[in-house]
Protein backbone atom coordinates (compact mmCIF):
# COMPACT_ATOMS: atom_id res chain seq x y z
CA UNK A 1 0.00 0.00 0.00
CA UNK A 2 2.17 2.84 -1.19
CA UNK A 3 1.45 6.14 0.57
CA UNK A 4 0.99 8.92 -1.97
CA UNK A 5 0.45 11.87 0.34
CA UNK A 6 -0.13 12.67 4.02
CA UNK A 7 -1.75 15.78 5.50
CA UNK A 8 -3.08 16.52 8.98
CA UNK A 9 -2.97 12.83 9.89
CA UNK A 10 -4.80 11.70 6.74
CA UNK A 11 -2.96 9.09 4.67
CA UNK A 12 -3.76 8.87 0.98
CA UNK A 13 -2.61 5.64 -0.64
CA UNK A 14 -3.21 2.93 -3.25
CA UNK A 15 -3.62 -0.78 -2.75
CA UNK A 16 -1.14 -2.70 -4.90
CA UNK A 17 -4.01 -4.57 -6.60
CA UNK A 18 -6.31 -1.56 -7.09
CA UNK A 19 -8.53 -1.29 -10.16
CA UNK A 20 -10.33 1.27 -12.29
CA UNK A 21 -11.96 3.71 -11.99
CA UNK A 22 -9.15 5.91 -10.69
CA UNK A 23 -9.71 6.51 -6.98
CA UNK A 24 -7.84 7.28 -3.77
CA UNK A 25 -8.37 5.55 -0.42
CA UNK A 26 -7.74 7.62 2.70
CA UNK A 27 -7.38 6.60 6.33
CA UNK A 28 -6.84 8.21 9.71
CA UNK A 29 -7.08 6.69 13.18
CA UNK A 30 -8.99 3.60 12.07
CA UNK A 31 -11.37 5.59 9.84
CA UNK A 32 -11.46 4.95 6.10
CA UNK A 33 -12.94 6.43 2.94
CA UNK A 34 -12.61 6.12 -0.81
CA UNK A 35 -13.00 8.91 -3.35
CA UNK A 36 -13.21 8.68 -7.12
CA UNK A 37 -10.89 11.20 -8.76
CA UNK A 38 -12.73 11.98 -12.00
CA UNK A 39 -15.12 13.40 -11.01
CA UNK A 40 -14.17 13.76 -7.34
CA UNK A 41 -16.86 11.81 -5.54
CA UNK A 42 -17.10 9.97 -2.24
CA UNK A 43 -17.88 6.29 -2.82
CA UNK A 44 -17.73 5.02 0.76
CA UNK A 45 -16.75 6.09 4.24
CA UNK A 46 -16.46 4.40 7.61
CA UNK A 47 -16.42 6.52 10.77
CA UNK A 48 -15.34 9.85 9.24
CA UNK A 49 -17.44 12.83 10.33
CA UNK A 50 -18.96 15.22 7.81
CA UNK A 51 -16.36 17.87 8.69
CA UNK A 52 -13.51 15.38 8.17
CA UNK A 53 -14.95 14.38 4.80
CA UNK A 54 -15.09 18.07 3.81
CA UNK A 55 -11.45 18.45 4.83
CA UNK A 56 -10.49 15.35 2.84
CA UNK A 57 -12.35 16.67 -0.22
CA UNK A 58 -10.45 19.98 0.03
CA UNK A 59 -7.14 18.10 0.17
CA UNK A 60 -8.11 15.92 -2.79
CA UNK A 61 -9.16 18.97 -4.81
CA UNK A 62 -5.75 20.52 -4.20
CA UNK A 63 -3.83 17.31 -5.00
CA UNK A 64 -5.99 15.61 -7.64
CA UNK A 65 -3.37 16.04 -10.37
CA UNK A 66 -0.70 14.48 -8.13
CA UNK A 67 -2.98 11.54 -7.29
CA UNK A 68 -3.81 10.91 -10.97
CA UNK A 69 -0.14 11.17 -11.93
CA UNK A 70 0.90 8.70 -9.23
CA UNK A 71 -1.94 6.32 -10.20
CA UNK A 72 -0.77 6.32 -13.82
CA UNK A 73 2.88 5.83 -12.81
CA UNK A 74 2.03 2.94 -10.51
CA UNK A 75 -0.57 1.07 -12.57
CA UNK A 76 0.61 1.73 -16.13
PDB file of N, CA and C in Angstrom:
ATOM      1  N   UNK A   1       0.835  -1.174   0.000  1.00  0.00           N
ATOM      2  CA  UNK A   1       0.000   0.000   0.000  1.00  0.00           C
ATOM      3  C   UNK A   1       0.886   1.247   0.000  1.00  0.00           C
ATOM      4  N   UNK A   2       1.312   1.665  -1.166  1.00  0.00           N
ATOM      5  CA  UNK A   2       2.174   2.844  -1.190  1.00  0.00           C
ATOM      6  C   UNK A   2       1.421   4.114  -0.776  1.00  0.00           C
ATOM      7  N   UNK A   3       2.007   4.850   0.161  1.00  0.00           N
ATOM      8  CA  UNK A   3       1.450   6.135   0.567  1.00  0.00           C
ATOM      9  C   UNK A   3       1.797   7.161  -0.491  1.00  0.00           C
ATOM     10  N   UNK A   4       0.803   7.909  -0.939  1.00  0.00           N
ATOM     11  CA  UNK A   4       0.986   8.915  -1.967  1.00  0.00           C
ATOM     12  C   UNK A   4       1.171  10.288  -1.341  1.00  0.00           C
ATOM     13  N   UNK A   5       0.432  10.544  -0.266  1.00  0.00           N
ATOM     14  CA  UNK A   5       0.449  11.874   0.342  1.00  0.00           C
ATOM     15  C   UNK A   5      -0.107  11.764   1.750  1.00  0.00           C
ATOM     16  N   UNK A   6       0.400  12.586   2.652  1.00  0.00           N
ATOM     17  CA  UNK A   6      -0.126  12.674   4.016  1.00  0.00           C
ATOM     18  C   UNK A   6      -0.347  14.140   4.369  1.00  0.00           C
ATOM     19  N   UNK A   7      -1.434  14.410   5.097  1.00  0.00           N
ATOM     20  CA  UNK A   7      -1.749  15.777   5.496  1.00  0.00           C
ATOM     21  C   UNK A   7      -2.652  15.720   6.712  1.00  0.00           C
ATOM     22  N   UNK A   8      -2.264  16.403   7.771  1.00  0.00           N
ATOM     23  CA  UNK A   8      -3.077  16.519   8.981  1.00  0.00           C
ATOM     24  C   UNK A   8      -3.537  15.154   9.507  1.00  0.00           C
ATOM     25  N   UNK A   9      -2.663  14.172   9.403  1.00  0.00           N
ATOM     26  CA  UNK A   9      -2.974  12.833   9.892  1.00  0.00           C
ATOM     27  C   UNK A   9      -3.690  11.941   8.894  1.00  0.00           C
ATOM     28  N   UNK A  10      -4.153  12.493   7.786  1.00  0.00           N
ATOM     29  CA  UNK A  10      -4.800  11.702   6.737  1.00  0.00           C
ATOM     30  C   UNK A  10      -3.725  11.071   5.867  1.00  0.00           C
ATOM     31  N   UNK A  11      -3.892   9.793   5.561  1.00  0.00           N
ATOM     32  CA  UNK A  11      -2.956   9.092   4.675  1.00  0.00           C
ATOM     33  C   UNK A  11      -3.696   8.684   3.411  1.00  0.00           C
ATOM     34  N   UNK A  12      -3.199   9.178   2.288  1.00  0.00           N
ATOM     35  CA  UNK A  12      -3.764   8.875   0.977  1.00  0.00           C
ATOM     36  C   UNK A  12      -2.855   7.841   0.326  1.00  0.00           C
ATOM     37  N   UNK A  13      -3.427   6.765  -0.187  1.00  0.00           N
ATOM     38  CA  UNK A  13      -2.608   5.644  -0.644  1.00  0.00           C
ATOM     39  C   UNK A  13      -3.328   4.866  -1.740  1.00  0.00           C
ATOM     40  N   UNK A  14      -2.623   3.891  -2.318  1.00  0.00           N
ATOM     41  CA  UNK A  14      -3.214   2.925  -3.249  1.00  0.00           C
ATOM     42  C   UNK A  14      -2.969   1.537  -2.695  1.00  0.00           C
ATOM     43  N   UNK A  15      -3.872   0.635  -2.970  1.00  0.00           N
ATOM     44  CA  UNK A  15      -3.615  -0.775  -2.752  1.00  0.00           C
ATOM     45  C   UNK A  15      -2.860  -1.289  -3.975  1.00  0.00           C
ATOM     46  N   UNK A  16      -1.952  -2.219  -3.788  1.00  0.00           N
ATOM     47  CA  UNK A  16      -1.138  -2.698  -4.903  1.00  0.00           C
ATOM     48  C   UNK A  16      -1.963  -3.414  -5.971  1.00  0.00           C
ATOM     49  N   UNK A  17      -3.151  -3.880  -5.621  1.00  0.00           N
ATOM     50  CA  UNK A  17      -4.006  -4.570  -6.597  1.00  0.00           C
ATOM     51  C   UNK A  17      -5.250  -3.750  -6.933  1.00  0.00           C
ATOM     52  N   UNK A  18      -5.158  -2.421  -6.818  1.00  0.00           N
ATOM     53  CA  UNK A  18      -6.309  -1.557  -7.094  1.00  0.00           C
ATOM     54  C   UNK A  18      -6.748  -1.670  -8.541  1.00  0.00           C
ATOM     55  N   UNK A  19      -7.891  -1.131  -8.849  1.00  0.00           N
ATOM     56  CA  UNK A  19      -8.531  -1.289 -10.157  1.00  0.00           C
ATOM     57  C   UNK A  19      -9.199   0.029 -10.550  1.00  0.00           C
ATOM     58  N   UNK A  20      -9.578   0.111 -11.808  1.00  0.00           N
ATOM     59  CA  UNK A  20     -10.331   1.270 -12.291  1.00  0.00           C
ATOM     60  C   UNK A  20     -11.731   1.249 -11.708  1.00  0.00           C
ATOM     61  N   UNK A  21     -12.388   2.385 -11.596  1.00  0.00           N
ATOM     62  CA  UNK A  21     -11.958   3.712 -11.993  1.00  0.00           C
ATOM     63  C   UNK A  21     -10.908   4.270 -11.037  1.00  0.00           C
ATOM     64  N   UNK A  22     -10.197   5.297 -11.504  1.00  0.00           N
ATOM     65  CA  UNK A  22      -9.151   5.910 -10.693  1.00  0.00           C
ATOM     66  C   UNK A  22      -9.781   6.463  -9.414  1.00  0.00           C
ATOM     67  N   UNK A  23      -9.199   6.086  -8.280  1.00  0.00           N
ATOM     68  CA  UNK A  23      -9.711   6.513  -6.976  1.00  0.00           C
ATOM     69  C   UNK A  23      -8.565   6.591  -5.979  1.00  0.00           C
ATOM     70  N   UNK A  24      -8.854   7.173  -4.817  1.00  0.00           N
ATOM     71  CA  UNK A  24      -7.841   7.281  -3.765  1.00  0.00           C
ATOM     72  C   UNK A  24      -8.471   6.887  -2.428  1.00  0.00           C
ATOM     73  N   UNK A  25      -7.966   5.856  -1.792  1.00  0.00           N
ATOM     74  CA  UNK A  25      -8.373   5.549  -0.424  1.00  0.00           C
ATOM     75  C   UNK A  25      -7.674   6.507   0.543  1.00  0.00           C
ATOM     76  N   UNK A  26      -8.315   6.761   1.660  1.00  0.00           N
ATOM     77  CA  UNK A  26      -7.740   7.616   2.697  1.00  0.00           C
ATOM     78  C   UNK A  26      -8.080   6.997   4.050  1.00  0.00           C
ATOM     79  N   UNK A  27      -7.130   7.118   4.985  1.00  0.00           N
ATOM     80  CA  UNK A  27      -7.377   6.601   6.331  1.00  0.00           C
ATOM     81  C   UNK A  27      -6.779   7.532   7.370  1.00  0.00           C
ATOM     82  N   UNK A  28      -7.348   7.458   8.556  1.00  0.00           N
ATOM     83  CA  UNK A  28      -6.840   8.209   9.706  1.00  0.00           C
ATOM     84  C   UNK A  28      -7.448   7.594  10.954  1.00  0.00           C
ATOM     85  N   UNK A  29      -6.621   7.183  11.869  1.00  0.00           N
ATOM     86  CA  UNK A  29      -7.076   6.690  13.180  1.00  0.00           C
ATOM     87  C   UNK A  29      -8.182   5.645  13.088  1.00  0.00           C
ATOM     88  N   UNK A  30      -8.015   4.664  12.196  1.00  0.00           N
ATOM     89  CA  UNK A  30      -8.989   3.599  12.070  1.00  0.00           C
ATOM     90  C   UNK A  30     -10.212   3.946  11.238  1.00  0.00           C
ATOM     91  N   UNK A  31     -10.275   5.163  10.710  1.00  0.00           N
ATOM     92  CA  UNK A  31     -11.369   5.590   9.839  1.00  0.00           C
ATOM     93  C   UNK A  31     -10.901   5.448   8.400  1.00  0.00           C
ATOM     94  N   UNK A  32     -11.826   5.125   7.497  1.00  0.00           N
ATOM     95  CA  UNK A  32     -11.461   4.945   6.095  1.00  0.00           C
ATOM     96  C   UNK A  32     -12.505   5.581   5.180  1.00  0.00           C
ATOM     97  N   UNK A  33     -12.042   5.923   3.981  1.00  0.00           N
ATOM     98  CA  UNK A  33     -12.942   6.428   2.943  1.00  0.00           C
ATOM     99  C   UNK A  33     -12.291   6.171   1.594  1.00  0.00           C
ATOM    100  N   UNK A  34     -13.119   6.250   0.551  1.00  0.00           N
ATOM    101  CA  UNK A  34     -12.610   6.119  -0.808  1.00  0.00           C
ATOM    102  C   UNK A  34     -13.300   7.154  -1.674  1.00  0.00           C
ATOM    103  N   UNK A  35     -12.491   7.891  -2.448  1.00  0.00           N
ATOM    104  CA  UNK A  35     -13.000   8.912  -3.349  1.00  0.00           C
ATOM    105  C   UNK A  35     -12.593   8.588  -4.774  1.00  0.00           C
ATOM    106  N   UNK A  36     -13.545   8.676  -5.706  1.00  0.00           N
ATOM    107  CA  UNK A  36     -13.205   8.675  -7.120  1.00  0.00           C
ATOM    108  C   UNK A  36     -12.494   9.990  -7.417  1.00  0.00           C
ATOM    109  N   UNK A  37     -11.643   9.989  -8.445  1.00  0.00           N
ATOM    110  CA  UNK A  37     -10.893  11.197  -8.763  1.00  0.00           C
ATOM    111  C   UNK A  37     -11.413  11.933  -9.987  1.00  0.00           C
ATOM    112  N   UNK A  38     -12.243  11.303 -10.804  1.00  0.00           N
ATOM    113  CA  UNK A  38     -12.729  11.977 -12.003  1.00  0.00           C
ATOM    114  C   UNK A  38     -14.133  11.526 -12.341  1.00  0.00           C
ATOM    115  N   UNK A  39     -15.154  12.210 -11.840  1.00  0.00           N
ATOM    116  CA  UNK A  39     -15.121  13.403 -11.007  1.00  0.00           C
ATOM    117  C   UNK A  39     -14.841  13.024  -9.549  1.00  0.00           C
ATOM    118  N   UNK A  40     -14.448  14.013  -8.762  1.00  0.00           N
ATOM    119  CA  UNK A  40     -14.171  13.764  -7.339  1.00  0.00           C
ATOM    120  C   UNK A  40     -15.502  13.482  -6.649  1.00  0.00           C
ATOM    121  N   UNK A  41     -15.595  12.260  -6.113  1.00  0.00           N
ATOM    122  CA  UNK A  41     -16.863  11.807  -5.543  1.00  0.00           C
ATOM    123  C   UNK A  41     -16.591  10.769  -4.459  1.00  0.00           C
ATOM    124  N   UNK A  42     -17.201  10.939  -3.319  1.00  0.00           N
ATOM    125  CA  UNK A  42     -17.100   9.966  -2.236  1.00  0.00           C
ATOM    126  C   UNK A  42     -17.861   8.704  -2.618  1.00  0.00           C
ATOM    127  N   UNK A  43     -17.190   7.549  -2.529  1.00  0.00           N
ATOM    128  CA  UNK A  43     -17.883   6.289  -2.823  1.00  0.00           C
ATOM    129  C   UNK A  43     -18.219   5.512  -1.563  1.00  0.00           C
ATOM    130  N   UNK A  44     -17.381   5.628  -0.528  1.00  0.00           N
ATOM    131  CA  UNK A  44     -17.727   5.023   0.757  1.00  0.00           C
ATOM    132  C   UNK A  44     -16.895   5.637   1.862  1.00  0.00           C
ATOM    133  N   UNK A  45     -17.427   5.535   3.066  1.00  0.00           N
ATOM    134  CA  UNK A  45     -16.751   6.092   4.238  1.00  0.00           C
ATOM    135  C   UNK A  45     -17.160   5.301   5.464  1.00  0.00           C
ATOM    136  N   UNK A  46     -16.196   5.062   6.333  1.00  0.00           N
ATOM    137  CA  UNK A  46     -16.464   4.405   7.610  1.00  0.00           C
ATOM    138  C   UNK A  46     -15.867   5.255   8.729  1.00  0.00           C
ATOM    139  N   UNK A  47     -16.750   5.814   9.535  1.00  0.00           N
ATOM    140  CA  UNK A  47     -16.425   6.518  10.770  1.00  0.00           C
ATOM    141  C   UNK A  47     -15.956   7.960  10.608  1.00  0.00           C
ATOM    142  N   UNK A  48     -15.706   8.451   9.390  1.00  0.00           N
ATOM    143  CA  UNK A  48     -15.339   9.854   9.238  1.00  0.00           C
ATOM    144  C   UNK A  48     -16.570  10.728   9.464  1.00  0.00           C
ATOM    145  N   UNK A  49     -16.367  11.861  10.151  1.00  0.00           N
ATOM    146  CA  UNK A  49     -17.445  12.834  10.332  1.00  0.00           C
ATOM    147  C   UNK A  49     -17.614  13.648   9.057  1.00  0.00           C
ATOM    148  N   UNK A  50     -18.709  14.366   8.972  1.00  0.00           N
ATOM    149  CA  UNK A  50     -18.963  15.221   7.808  1.00  0.00           C
ATOM    150  C   UNK A  50     -17.867  16.278   7.667  1.00  0.00           C
ATOM    151  N   UNK A  51     -17.407  16.844   8.779  1.00  0.00           N
ATOM    152  CA  UNK A  51     -16.357  17.872   8.693  1.00  0.00           C
ATOM    153  C   UNK A  51     -15.029  17.267   8.230  1.00  0.00           C
ATOM    154  N   UNK A  52     -14.726  16.039   8.650  1.00  0.00           N
ATOM    155  CA  UNK A  52     -13.510  15.377   8.170  1.00  0.00           C
ATOM    156  C   UNK A  52     -13.603  15.086   6.674  1.00  0.00           C
ATOM    157  N   UNK A  53     -14.773  14.658   6.223  1.00  0.00           N
ATOM    158  CA  UNK A  53     -14.952  14.382   4.800  1.00  0.00           C
ATOM    159  C   UNK A  53     -14.813  15.658   3.975  1.00  0.00           C
ATOM    160  N   UNK A  54     -15.294  16.788   4.504  1.00  0.00           N
ATOM    161  CA  UNK A  54     -15.093  18.073   3.813  1.00  0.00           C
ATOM    162  C   UNK A  54     -13.608  18.400   3.723  1.00  0.00           C
ATOM    163  N   UNK A  55     -12.885  18.191   4.820  1.00  0.00           N
ATOM    164  CA  UNK A  55     -11.451  18.449   4.831  1.00  0.00           C
ATOM    165  C   UNK A  55     -10.728  17.546   3.828  1.00  0.00           C
ATOM    166  N   UNK A  56     -11.091  16.290   3.792  1.00  0.00           N
ATOM    167  CA  UNK A  56     -10.491  15.348   2.835  1.00  0.00           C
ATOM    168  C   UNK A  56     -10.756  15.810   1.408  1.00  0.00           C
ATOM    169  N   UNK A  57     -11.988  16.220   1.132  1.00  0.00           N
ATOM    170  CA  UNK A  57     -12.352  16.671  -0.217  1.00  0.00           C
ATOM    171  C   UNK A  57     -11.512  17.892  -0.619  1.00  0.00           C
ATOM    172  N   UNK A  58     -11.284  18.806   0.308  1.00  0.00           N
ATOM    173  CA  UNK A  58     -10.451  19.984   0.025  1.00  0.00           C
ATOM    174  C   UNK A  58      -9.032  19.551  -0.321  1.00  0.00           C
ATOM    175  N   UNK A  59      -8.496  18.610   0.446  1.00  0.00           N
ATOM    176  CA  UNK A  59      -7.145  18.101   0.173  1.00  0.00           C
ATOM    177  C   UNK A  59      -7.105  17.443  -1.203  1.00  0.00           C
ATOM    178  N   UNK A  60      -8.083  16.604  -1.492  1.00  0.00           N
ATOM    179  CA  UNK A  60      -8.109  15.919  -2.789  1.00  0.00           C
ATOM    180  C   UNK A  60      -8.201  16.933  -3.920  1.00  0.00           C
ATOM    181  N   UNK A  61      -9.058  17.937  -3.771  1.00  0.00           N
ATOM    182  CA  UNK A  61      -9.159  18.972  -4.810  1.00  0.00           C
ATOM    183  C   UNK A  61      -7.813  19.633  -5.073  1.00  0.00           C
ATOM    184  N   UNK A  62      -7.040  19.848  -4.030  1.00  0.00           N
ATOM    185  CA  UNK A  62      -5.754  20.523  -4.204  1.00  0.00           C
ATOM    186  C   UNK A  62      -4.668  19.594  -4.735  1.00  0.00           C
ATOM    187  N   UNK A  63      -4.854  18.286  -4.608  1.00  0.00           N
ATOM    188  CA  UNK A  63      -3.828  17.310  -4.998  1.00  0.00           C
ATOM    189  C   UNK A  63      -4.290  16.331  -6.066  1.00  0.00           C
ATOM    190  N   UNK A  64      -5.433  16.579  -6.694  1.00  0.00           N
ATOM    191  CA  UNK A  64      -5.990  15.608  -7.635  1.00  0.00           C
ATOM    192  C   UNK A  64      -5.029  15.301  -8.776  1.00  0.00           C
ATOM    193  N   UNK A  65      -4.312  16.297  -9.281  1.00  0.00           N
ATOM    194  CA  UNK A  65      -3.368  16.037 -10.371  1.00  0.00           C
ATOM    195  C   UNK A  65      -2.237  15.121  -9.906  1.00  0.00           C
ATOM    196  N   UNK A  66      -1.746  15.345  -8.695  1.00  0.00           N
ATOM    197  CA  UNK A  66      -0.704  14.477  -8.134  1.00  0.00           C
ATOM    198  C   UNK A  66      -1.214  13.048  -8.009  1.00  0.00           C
ATOM    199  N   UNK A  67      -2.427  12.881  -7.473  1.00  0.00           N
ATOM    200  CA  UNK A  67      -2.982  11.542  -7.286  1.00  0.00           C
ATOM    201  C   UNK A  67      -3.160  10.826  -8.615  1.00  0.00           C
ATOM    202  N   UNK A  68      -3.643  11.518  -9.640  1.00  0.00           N
ATOM    203  CA  UNK A  68      -3.808  10.911 -10.968  1.00  0.00           C
ATOM    204  C   UNK A  68      -2.453  10.541 -11.561  1.00  0.00           C
ATOM    205  N   UNK A  69      -1.491  11.438 -11.413  1.00  0.00           N
ATOM    206  CA  UNK A  69      -0.145  11.168 -11.934  1.00  0.00           C
ATOM    207  C   UNK A  69       0.451   9.933 -11.277  1.00  0.00           C
ATOM    208  N   UNK A  70       0.351   9.852  -9.960  1.00  0.00           N
ATOM    209  CA  UNK A  70       0.902   8.701  -9.231  1.00  0.00           C
ATOM    210  C   UNK A  70       0.157   7.414  -9.585  1.00  0.00           C
ATOM    211  N   UNK A  71      -1.167   7.501  -9.776  1.00  0.00           N
ATOM    212  CA  UNK A  71      -1.942   6.320 -10.202  1.00  0.00           C
ATOM    213  C   UNK A  71      -1.392   5.799 -11.526  1.00  0.00           C
ATOM    214  N   UNK A  72      -1.254   6.728 -12.481  1.00  0.00           N
ATOM    215  CA  UNK A  72      -0.772   6.315 -13.815  1.00  0.00           C
ATOM    216  C   UNK A  72       0.656   5.772 -13.772  1.00  0.00           C
ATOM    217  N   UNK A  73       1.512   6.357 -12.958  1.00  0.00           N
ATOM    218  CA  UNK A  73       2.879   5.834 -12.808  1.00  0.00           C
ATOM    219  C   UNK A  73       2.852   4.426 -12.212  1.00  0.00           C
ATOM    220  N   UNK A  74       2.035   4.210 -11.228  1.00  0.00           N
ATOM    221  CA  UNK A  74       2.029   2.936 -10.506  1.00  0.00           C
ATOM    222  C   UNK A  74       1.353   1.818 -11.295  1.00  0.00           C
ATOM    223  N   UNK A  75       0.230   2.129 -11.948  1.00  0.00           N
ATOM    224  CA  UNK A  75      -0.570   1.074 -12.567  1.00  0.00           C
ATOM    225  C   UNK A  75      -0.380   0.947 -14.061  1.00  0.00           C
ATOM    226  N   UNK A  76       0.384   1.841 -14.691  1.00  0.00           N
ATOM    227  CA  UNK A  76       0.607   1.733 -16.131  1.00  0.00           C
ATOM    228  C   UNK A  76       2.046   1.396 -16.457  1.00  0.00           C
TER     229      UNK A  76
END
